[in-house]
C-alpha atoms as a PDB file:
ATOM      1  CA  MET A   1      53.397  32.651  90.318  1.00  0.00           C
ATOM      2  CA  GLY A   2      56.981  32.276  88.890  1.00  0.00           C
ATOM      3  CA  ILE A   3      57.512  31.715  85.102  1.00  0.00           C
ATOM      4  CA  VAL A   4      54.458  31.158  83.047  1.00  0.00           C
ATOM      5  CA  VAL A   5      55.089  28.546  80.206  1.00  0.00           C
ATOM      6  CA  ILE A   6      52.608  28.458  77.276  1.00  0.00           C
ATOM      7  CA  GLY A   7      52.645  25.846  74.629  1.00  0.00           C
ATOM      8  CA  ASP A   8      51.859  22.183  73.715  1.00  0.00           C
ATOM      9  CA  VAL A   9      51.980  18.819  75.195  1.00  0.00           C
ATOM     10  CA  PHE A  10      53.124  16.002  72.926  1.00  0.00           C
ATOM     11  CA  ILE A  11      53.285  12.244  73.202  1.00  0.00           C
ATOM     12  CA  ASP A  12      56.544  11.060  71.526  1.00  0.00           C
ATOM     13  CA  ILE A  13      56.531   7.534  70.142  1.00  0.00           C
ATOM     14  CA  LYS A  14      60.038   6.556  69.078  1.00  0.00           C
ATOM     15  CA  GLY A  15      61.136   3.394  67.413  1.00  0.00           C
ATOM     16  CA  TYR A  16      64.817   2.391  67.283  1.00  0.00           C
ATOM     17  CA  SER A  17      66.062  -0.049  64.636  1.00  0.00           C
ATOM     18  CA  LEU A  18      68.593  -2.609  65.912  1.00  0.00           C
ATOM     19  CA  SER A  19      70.200  -2.944  62.419  1.00  0.00           C
ATOM     20  CA  PRO A  20      70.387  -0.833  59.252  1.00  0.00           C
ATOM     21  CA  TYR A  21      66.936   0.536  58.622  1.00  0.00           C
ATOM     22  CA  ILE A  22      65.046  -0.744  55.618  1.00  0.00           C
ATOM     23  CA  PRO A  23      62.343   1.644  54.570  1.00  0.00           C
ATOM     24  CA  GLN A  24      60.180  -0.869  52.655  1.00  0.00           C
ATOM     25  CA  GLY A  25      60.830  -3.760  55.030  1.00  0.00           C
ATOM     26  CA  ARG A  26      60.357  -4.971  58.534  1.00  0.00           C
ATOM     27  CA  ASN A  27      62.809  -3.731  61.138  1.00  0.00           C
ATOM     28  CA  ALA A  28      63.383  -5.347  64.533  1.00  0.00           C
ATOM     29  CA  GLY A  29      64.004  -3.002  67.375  1.00  0.00           C
ATOM     30  CA  THR A  30      62.443  -1.210  70.327  1.00  0.00           C
ATOM     31  CA  VAL A  31      59.564   1.294  70.740  1.00  0.00           C
ATOM     32  CA  ILE A  32      59.138   3.705  73.596  1.00  0.00           C
ATOM     33  CA  GLN A  33      56.447   6.295  74.388  1.00  0.00           C
ATOM     34  CA  ILE A  34      57.326   9.326  76.527  1.00  0.00           C
ATOM     35  CA  HIS A  35      55.785  12.686  77.502  1.00  0.00           C
ATOM     36  CA  GLY A  36      57.067  15.416  75.177  1.00  0.00           C
ATOM     37  CA  GLY A  37      56.480  18.847  73.636  1.00  0.00           C
ATOM     38  CA  VAL A  38      58.887  21.751  73.772  1.00  0.00           C
ATOM     39  CA  ALA A  39      56.872  23.744  76.264  1.00  0.00           C
ATOM     40  CA  ARG A  40      56.023  20.793  78.485  1.00  0.00           C
ATOM     41  CA  ASN A  41      59.653  19.904  78.602  1.00  0.00           C
ATOM     42  CA  VAL A  42      60.663  23.405  79.503  1.00  0.00           C
ATOM     43  CA  ALA A  43      58.011  23.643  82.243  1.00  0.00           C
ATOM     44  CA  GLU A  44      59.302  20.346  83.826  1.00  0.00           C
ATOM     45  CA  ASN A  45      62.887  21.483  83.686  1.00  0.00           C
ATOM     46  CA  ILE A  46      62.122  24.795  85.148  1.00  0.00           C
ATOM     47  CA  ALA A  47      60.384  22.998  88.043  1.00  0.00           C
ATOM     48  CA  ASN A  48      63.423  20.750  88.387  1.00  0.00           C
ATOM     49  CA  ILE A  49      65.480  23.799  89.459  1.00  0.00           C
ATOM     50  CA  GLU A  50      62.751  24.780  91.909  1.00  0.00           C
ATOM     51  CA  LEU A  51      61.550  27.993  90.032  1.00  0.00           C
ATOM     52  CA  LYS A  52      57.797  27.005  90.406  1.00  0.00           C
ATOM     53  CA  PRO A  53      56.451  27.396  86.832  1.00  0.00           C
ATOM     54  CA  THR A  54      52.814  27.573  85.805  1.00  0.00           C
ATOM     55  CA  PHE A  55      52.002  25.578  82.629  1.00  0.00           C
ATOM     56  CA  ILE A  56      49.248  26.877  80.283  1.00  0.00           C
ATOM     57  CA  SER A  57      48.308  23.976  78.027  1.00  0.00           C
ATOM     58  CA  ALA A  58      45.812  21.259  77.284  1.00  0.00           C
ATOM     59  CA  VAL A  59      45.862  17.388  77.331  1.00  0.00           C
ATOM     60  CA  ASP A  60      43.645  14.593  75.988  1.00  0.00           C
ATOM     61  CA  ASN A  61      40.563  13.805  78.103  1.00  0.00           C
ATOM     62  CA  ASN A  62      41.864  10.309  78.882  1.00  0.00           C
ATOM     63  CA  ALA A  63      44.191   8.269  80.917  1.00  0.00           C
ATOM     64  CA  MET A  64      47.270   9.449  79.022  1.00  0.00           C
ATOM     65  CA  GLY A  65      46.232  13.030  79.616  1.00  0.00           C
ATOM     66  CA  ASP A  66      45.883  12.321  83.371  1.00  0.00           C
ATOM     67  CA  ASP A  67      49.400  10.721  83.443  1.00  0.00           C
ATOM     68  CA  VAL A  68      50.845  13.959  81.879  1.00  0.00           C
ATOM     69  CA  ILE A  69      49.254  16.148  84.506  1.00  0.00           C
ATOM     70  CA  GLU A  70      50.153  13.863  87.376  1.00  0.00           C
ATOM     71  CA  LYS A  71      53.794  13.775  86.353  1.00  0.00           C
ATOM     72  CA  LEU A  72      53.867  17.550  86.054  1.00  0.00           C
ATOM     73  CA  LYS A  73      52.429  17.844  89.539  1.00  0.00           C
ATOM     74  CA  ARG A  74      55.037  15.510  90.953  1.00  0.00           C
ATOM     75  CA  HIS A  75      57.580  17.824  89.563  1.00  0.00           C
ATOM     76  CA  LYS A  76      55.927  20.822  91.373  1.00  0.00           C
ATOM     77  CA  VAL A  77      54.531  22.398  88.060  1.00  0.00           C
ATOM     78  CA  GLU A  78      51.295  24.441  88.644  1.00  0.00           C
ATOM     79  CA  THR A  79      48.765  22.733  86.438  1.00  0.00           C
ATOM     80  CA  LYS A  80      45.502  24.347  87.691  1.00  0.00           C
ATOM     81  CA  TYR A  81      44.845  26.176  84.380  1.00  0.00           C
ATOM     82  CA  MET A  82      45.336  23.101  82.111  1.00  0.00           C
ATOM     83  CA  LYS A  83      42.372  21.834  80.295  1.00  0.00           C
ATOM     84  CA  LYS A  84      41.442  18.247  79.459  1.00  0.00           C
ATOM     85  CA  VAL A  85      39.856  18.063  76.048  1.00  0.00           C
ATOM     86  CA  LYS A  86      39.649  15.922  72.810  1.00  0.00           C
ATOM     87  CA  ASP A  87      42.811  16.441  70.689  1.00  0.00           C
ATOM     88  CA  GLY A  88      44.397  18.379  73.483  1.00  0.00           C
ATOM     89  CA  MET A  89      47.783  16.796  72.900  1.00  0.00           C
ATOM     90  CA  GLY A  90      49.901  16.372  69.757  1.00  0.00           C
ATOM     91  CA  THR A  91      51.802  13.212  68.679  1.00  0.00           C
ATOM     92  CA  TRP A  92      55.301  12.798  67.293  1.00  0.00           C
ATOM     93  CA  LEU A  93      56.110   9.552  65.703  1.00  0.00           C
ATOM     94  CA  ALA A  94      59.755   9.038  64.820  1.00  0.00           C
ATOM     95  CA  VAL A  95      61.840   6.130  63.577  1.00  0.00           C
ATOM     96  CA  PHE A  96      65.555   6.046  64.158  1.00  0.00           C
ATOM     97  CA  ASP A  97      68.146   3.863  62.496  1.00  0.00           C
ATOM     98  CA  HIS A  98      70.777   1.718  64.234  1.00  0.00           C
ATOM     99  CA  GLU A  99      73.095   4.781  64.572  1.00  0.00           C
ATOM    100  CA  GLY A 100      70.466   6.937  66.269  1.00  0.00           C
ATOM    101  CA  ASP A 101      69.578   9.214  63.409  1.00  0.00           C
ATOM    102  CA  VAL A 102      65.950   9.994  62.561  1.00  0.00           C
ATOM    103  CA  VAL A 103      65.078   8.403  59.216  1.00  0.00           C
ATOM    104  CA  ALA A 104      61.268   9.125  59.244  1.00  0.00           C
ATOM    105  CA  SER A 105      58.898  11.067  61.288  1.00  0.00           C
ATOM    106  CA  ILE A 106      55.228  12.268  61.425  1.00  0.00           C
ATOM    107  CA  SER A 107      53.854  15.011  63.663  1.00  0.00           C
ATOM    108  CA  LYS A 108      50.167  15.754  64.613  1.00  0.00           C
ATOM    109  CA  ARG A 109      49.636  19.145  66.111  1.00  0.00           C
ATOM    110  CA  PRO A 110      46.979  19.602  68.913  1.00  0.00           C
ATOM    111  CA  ASP A 111      43.904  21.690  68.944  1.00  0.00           C
ATOM    112  CA  HIS A 112      45.007  25.079  70.084  1.00  0.00           C
ATOM    113  CA  LYS A 113      41.577  26.475  70.912  1.00  0.00           C
ATOM    114  CA  PRO A 114      41.600  25.393  74.571  1.00  0.00           C
ATOM    115  CA  ILE A 115      44.766  27.332  75.289  1.00  0.00           C
ATOM    116  CA  GLU A 116      43.193  30.543  73.712  1.00  0.00           C
ATOM    117  CA  GLN A 117      40.130  29.931  75.931  1.00  0.00           C
ATOM    118  CA  ILE A 118      42.334  29.707  79.046  1.00  0.00           C
ATOM    119  CA  LEU A 119      43.951  33.114  78.274  1.00  0.00           C
ATOM    120  CA  ASP A 120      40.435  34.592  77.461  1.00  0.00           C
ATOM    121  CA  GLU A 121      39.105  33.272  80.907  1.00  0.00           C
ATOM    122  CA  HIS A 122      42.173  33.739  83.171  1.00  0.00           C
ATOM    123  CA  GLY A 123      44.648  36.006  81.271  1.00  0.00           C
ATOM    124  CA  ASP A 124      44.686  38.895  83.769  1.00  0.00           C
ATOM    125  CA  GLU A 125      45.252  36.775  86.838  1.00  0.00           C
ATOM    126  CA  ILE A 126      47.869  34.674  85.127  1.00  0.00           C
ATOM    127  CA  PHE A 127      49.949  37.605  83.785  1.00  0.00           C
ATOM    128  CA  LYS A 128      49.530  40.050  86.628  1.00  0.00           C
ATOM    129  CA  ASP A 129      51.316  37.646  88.968  1.00  0.00           C
ATOM    130  CA  ALA A 130      53.834  36.092  86.582  1.00  0.00           C
ATOM    131  CA  ASP A 131      57.563  36.860  86.912  1.00  0.00           C
ATOM    132  CA  SER A 132      58.052  36.320  83.100  1.00  0.00           C
ATOM    133  CA  ILE A 133      56.564  34.444  80.147  1.00  0.00           C
ATOM    134  CA  ALA A 134      58.017  31.637  77.928  1.00  0.00           C
ATOM    135  CA  ILE A 135      55.935  30.738  74.887  1.00  0.00           C
ATOM    136  CA  GLU A 136      56.228  28.460  71.903  1.00  0.00           C
ATOM    137  CA  ILE A 137      56.328  31.269  69.256  1.00  0.00           C
ATOM    138  CA  ASP A 138      55.010  28.979  66.520  1.00  0.00           C
ATOM    139  CA  THR A 139      51.773  28.136  68.349  1.00  0.00           C
ATOM    140  CA  ASP A 140      48.464  29.550  67.091  1.00  0.00           C
ATOM    141  CA  LYS A 141      48.797  33.141  66.129  1.00  0.00           C
ATOM    142  CA  GLU A 142      45.862  34.280  68.106  1.00  0.00           C
ATOM    143  CA  ILE A 143      47.530  32.759  71.326  1.00  0.00           C
ATOM    144  CA  VAL A 144      50.710  34.582  70.570  1.00  0.00           C
ATOM    145  CA  LYS A 145      48.869  37.971  69.976  1.00  0.00           C
ATOM    146  CA  LYS A 146      47.106  37.613  73.322  1.00  0.00           C
ATOM    147  CA  THR A 147      50.239  36.594  75.151  1.00  0.00           C
ATOM    148  CA  PHE A 148      51.977  39.833  73.990  1.00  0.00           C
ATOM    149  CA  MET A 149      48.841  41.906  74.734  1.00  0.00           C
ATOM    150  CA  TYR A 150      48.721  40.677  78.383  1.00  0.00           C
ATOM    151  CA  ALA A 151      52.607  40.756  78.705  1.00  0.00           C
ATOM    152  CA  GLU A 152      52.707  44.326  77.606  1.00  0.00           C
ATOM    153  CA  LYS A 153      49.695  45.325  79.773  1.00  0.00           C
ATOM    154  CA  TYR A 154      51.520  44.038  82.925  1.00  0.00           C
ATOM    155  CA  HIS A 155      55.107  44.855  81.790  1.00  0.00           C
ATOM    156  CA  LYS A 156      56.409  41.218  81.652  1.00  0.00           C
ATOM    157  CA  GLU A 157      59.203  39.964  79.581  1.00  0.00           C
ATOM    158  CA  VAL A 158      58.509  37.288  76.985  1.00  0.00           C
ATOM    159  CA  TYR A 159      60.999  34.599  75.983  1.00  0.00           C
ATOM    160  CA  ALA A 160      60.291  32.728  72.862  1.00  0.00           C
ATOM    161  CA  LEU A 161      60.665  28.962  72.366  1.00  0.00           C
ATOM    162  CA  VAL A 162      60.459  27.127  69.093  1.00  0.00           C
ATOM    163  CA  SER A 163      59.017  23.780  68.057  1.00  0.00           C
ATOM    164  CA  ASN A 164      58.478  24.220  64.310  1.00  0.00           C
ATOM    165  CA  MET A 165      60.926  26.622  62.761  1.00  0.00           C
ATOM    166  CA  THR A 166      59.086  26.827  59.446  1.00  0.00           C
ATOM    167  CA  ILE A 167      56.242  28.474  61.195  1.00  0.00           C
ATOM    168  CA  ALA A 168      58.489  30.471  63.532  1.00  0.00           C
ATOM    169  CA  VAL A 169      60.260  32.329  60.775  1.00  0.00           C
ATOM    170  CA  GLU A 170      56.903  33.810  59.794  1.00  0.00           C
ATOM    171  CA  ARG A 171      56.599  35.377  63.361  1.00  0.00           C
ATOM    172  CA  ARG A 172      59.583  37.754  63.018  1.00  0.00           C
ATOM    173  CA  ASP A 173      57.489  40.616  64.121  1.00  0.00           C
ATOM    174  CA  PHE A 174      56.698  38.864  67.366  1.00  0.00           C
ATOM    175  CA  ILE A 175      60.274  37.594  67.859  1.00  0.00           C
ATOM    176  CA  ARG A 176      61.435  41.250  67.720  1.00  0.00           C
ATOM    177  CA  ARG A 177      59.242  41.952  70.771  1.00  0.00           C
ATOM    178  CA  THR A 178      60.829  39.145  72.869  1.00  0.00           C
ATOM    179  CA  ALA A 179      63.442  39.539  75.624  1.00  0.00           C
ATOM    180  CA  CYS A 180      65.159  36.578  74.126  1.00  0.00           C
ATOM    181  CA  PHE A 181      64.673  34.082  71.267  1.00  0.00           C
ATOM    182  CA  VAL A 182      65.905  30.473  72.240  1.00  0.00           C
ATOM    183  CA  CYS A 183      66.672  27.994  69.455  1.00  0.00           C
ATOM    184  CA  ASN A 184      69.330  25.512  68.457  1.00  0.00           C
ATOM    185  CA  GLN A 185      72.175  25.979  66.024  1.00  0.00           C
ATOM    186  CA  GLN A 186      70.270  24.498  62.966  1.00  0.00           C
ATOM    187  CA  GLU A 187      67.128  26.675  63.694  1.00  0.00           C
ATOM    188  CA  ALA A 188      69.310  29.849  63.869  1.00  0.00           C
ATOM    189  CA  GLY A 189      70.577  29.024  60.431  1.00  0.00           C
ATOM    190  CA  ILE A 190      66.917  28.667  59.202  1.00  0.00           C
ATOM    191  CA  LEU A 191      66.075  32.000  60.764  1.00  0.00           C
ATOM    192  CA  PHE A 192      68.864  33.778  58.958  1.00  0.00           C
ATOM    193  CA  SER A 193      68.594  31.677  55.801  1.00  0.00           C
ATOM    194  CA  GLU A 194      72.077  30.346  56.303  1.00  0.00           C
ATOM    195  CA  ASP A 195      73.614  26.919  56.917  1.00  0.00           C
ATOM    196  CA  TYR A 196      75.198  26.939  60.437  1.00  0.00           C
ATOM    197  CA  ASP A 197      75.284  23.011  60.839  1.00  0.00           C
ATOM    198  CA  HIS A 198      79.000  22.585  60.493  1.00  0.00           C
ATOM    199  CA  MET A 199      80.166  25.956  62.012  1.00  0.00           C
ATOM    200  CA  THR A 200      82.169  26.106  65.213  1.00  0.00           C
ATOM    201  CA  PRO A 201      81.067  28.333  68.109  1.00  0.00           C
ATOM    202  CA  ALA A 202      83.956  30.693  67.227  1.00  0.00           C
ATOM    203  CA  GLU A 203      82.646  31.063  63.688  1.00  0.00           C
ATOM    204  CA  LEU A 204      79.028  31.670  64.915  1.00  0.00           C
ATOM    205  CA  ALA A 205      80.282  34.211  67.447  1.00  0.00           C
ATOM    206  CA  ALA A 206      81.945  36.254  64.611  1.00  0.00           C
ATOM    207  CA  ILE A 207      78.811  36.621  62.557  1.00  0.00           C
ATOM    208  CA  LEU A 208      75.855  36.437  64.816  1.00  0.00           C
ATOM    209  CA  PRO A 209      75.974  39.937  66.525  1.00  0.00           C
ATOM    210  CA  ASP A 210      75.560  41.584  63.040  1.00  0.00           C
ATOM    211  CA  ARG A 211      72.722  39.109  62.091  1.00  0.00           C
ATOM    212  CA  ILE A 212      70.599  39.780  65.110  1.00  0.00           C
ATOM    213  CA  ARG A 213      71.145  43.539  65.015  1.00  0.00           C
ATOM    214  CA  SER A 214      69.959  43.419  61.281  1.00  0.00           C
ATOM    215  CA  ALA A 215      66.944  41.410  62.354  1.00  0.00           C
ATOM    216  CA  LYS A 216      66.247  43.805  65.277  1.00  0.00           C
ATOM    217  CA  ILE A 217      66.212  40.892  67.801  1.00  0.00           C
ATOM    218  CA  SER A 218      67.177  41.796  71.425  1.00  0.00           C
ATOM    219  CA  ARG A 219      68.932  38.666  72.278  1.00  0.00           C
ATOM    220  CA  MET A 220      69.442  34.985  71.250  1.00  0.00           C
ATOM    221  CA  ASP A 221      70.331  31.969  73.170  1.00  0.00           C
ATOM    222  CA  ILE A 222      71.537  29.302  70.783  1.00  0.00           C
ATOM    223  CA  LEU A 223      72.185  25.714  71.899  1.00  0.00           C
ATOM    224  CA  THR A 224      75.423  24.420  70.588  1.00  0.00           C
ATOM    225  CA  ASN A 225      77.769  21.534  71.129  1.00  0.00           C
ATOM    226  CA  ILE A 226      81.483  21.871  71.748  1.00  0.00           C
ATOM    227  CA  PRO A 227      83.733  18.707  71.282  1.00  0.00           C
ATOM    228  CA  GLN A 228      85.440  17.391  74.405  1.00  0.00           C
ATOM    229  CA  GLY A 229      87.658  14.766  73.071  1.00  0.00           C
ATOM    230  CA  PRO A 230      86.926  11.924  70.611  1.00  0.00           C
ATOM    231  CA  ASN A 231      83.171  10.965  70.410  1.00  0.00           C
ATOM    232  CA  THR A 232      82.247  13.326  73.282  1.00  0.00           C
ATOM    233  CA  VAL A 233      80.540  16.739  73.133  1.00  0.00           C
ATOM    234  CA  GLN A 234      79.191  18.951  75.764  1.00  0.00           C
ATOM    235  CA  PRO A 235      76.105  21.283  75.411  1.00  0.00           C
ATOM    236  CA  TRP A 236      76.677  24.970  75.736  1.00  0.00           C
ATOM    237  CA  VAL A 237      74.484  28.010  75.125  1.00  0.00           C
ATOM    238  CA  LEU A 238      75.887  30.726  72.856  1.00  0.00           C
ATOM    239  CA  ARG A 239      74.290  33.976  74.082  1.00  0.00           C
ATOM    240  CA  VAL A 240      74.298  36.891  71.652  1.00  0.00           C
ATOM    241  CA  ASN A 241      73.106  40.421  72.422  1.00  0.00           C
ATOM    242  CA  ASN A 242      72.403  43.061  69.732  1.00  0.00           C
ATOM    243  CA  VAL A 243      74.463  45.665  71.490  1.00  0.00           C
ATOM    244  CA  GLY A 244      78.122  45.543  70.764  1.00  0.00           C
ATOM    245  CA  ASN A 245      79.911  42.312  69.725  1.00  0.00           C
ATOM    246  CA  LEU A 246      79.979  40.682  73.174  1.00  0.00           C
ATOM    247  CA  VAL A 247      79.126  36.932  72.956  1.00  0.00           C
ATOM    248  CA  PHE A 248      78.908  34.605  75.971  1.00  0.00           C
ATOM    249  CA  LEU A 249      79.229  30.867  76.284  1.00  0.00           C
ATOM    250  CA  ILE A 250      77.245  29.390  79.090  1.00  0.00           C
ATOM    251  CA  HIS A 251      77.827  25.814  80.180  1.00  0.00           C
ATOM    252  CA  LEU A 252      74.540  24.040  80.817  1.00  0.00           C
ATOM    253  CA  ALA A 253      75.935  21.944  83.630  1.00  0.00           C
ATOM    254  CA  SER A 254      77.603  24.998  85.387  1.00  0.00           C
ATOM    255  CA  PRO A 255      76.319  28.347  86.728  1.00  0.00           C
ATOM    256  CA  ARG A 256      79.392  30.042  85.369  1.00  0.00           C
ATOM    257  CA  SER A 257      79.332  32.021  82.180  1.00  0.00           C
ATOM    258  CA  PHE A 258      82.256  33.072  80.113  1.00  0.00           C
ATOM    259  CA  SER A 259      82.916  35.762  77.620  1.00  0.00           C
ATOM    260  CA  PHE A 260      83.338  33.731  74.410  1.00  0.00           C
ATOM    261  CA  PHE A 261      86.530  35.509  73.287  1.00  0.00           C
ATOM    262  CA  ASP A 262      88.007  35.112  76.703  1.00  0.00           C
ATOM    263  CA  PHE A 263      87.045  31.520  76.740  1.00  0.00           C
ATOM    264  CA  VAL A 264      88.768  30.600  73.512  1.00  0.00           C
END
């Protein structure tokens, strides 16, 4: 069955202002609508590297929901467990200024009961044949509980994704049970109640091993950007284990990984 991904589908509606954004006025620009959601994005990207994921989620029972499922199928994502229900998808509405920064956003979360029902009806067959599990750790708590119950029953590793860090920080007990917690640099700062926004990868590498040991987290993969000349950055993953002080940088466009201290 490959990797099982559990989480939400969102529809992202993004408006881009062509000139400085006026909060109380009219703003000319462009508006786009795309399929989103952390778990949906992860499932699609896993499929793009031919690892055959199975997606456990729900969509709206309408044409937009059908479009989401059909696109996933074209990417070779297994969708047979997905449900089509009212309020099965969330919505993220965001407004960006002329420089590309978010100036306003509203998010509506979906109904999570259908995902819980999928686990109740098919949990054993899903987890028994899975290679590993990736779950949005901030989804409904009952879904997270059942995911760990089945994962431990069938000895499967769980990897935690995050959509809403405010909720995720309340799930530290579950994060400690994961094989890896995946987040970005800002979210790592929220987890440890520190400001990491302007820290370099070298500065992060110096402090994070102690932080995750204290938090009793097995491993963290933290998305960070490294400047590559003026106005250019490249995405890397900072991989930190709770054993020793070894930190790795992994380039997202390359299969090679480097010991961080060797790299710099």
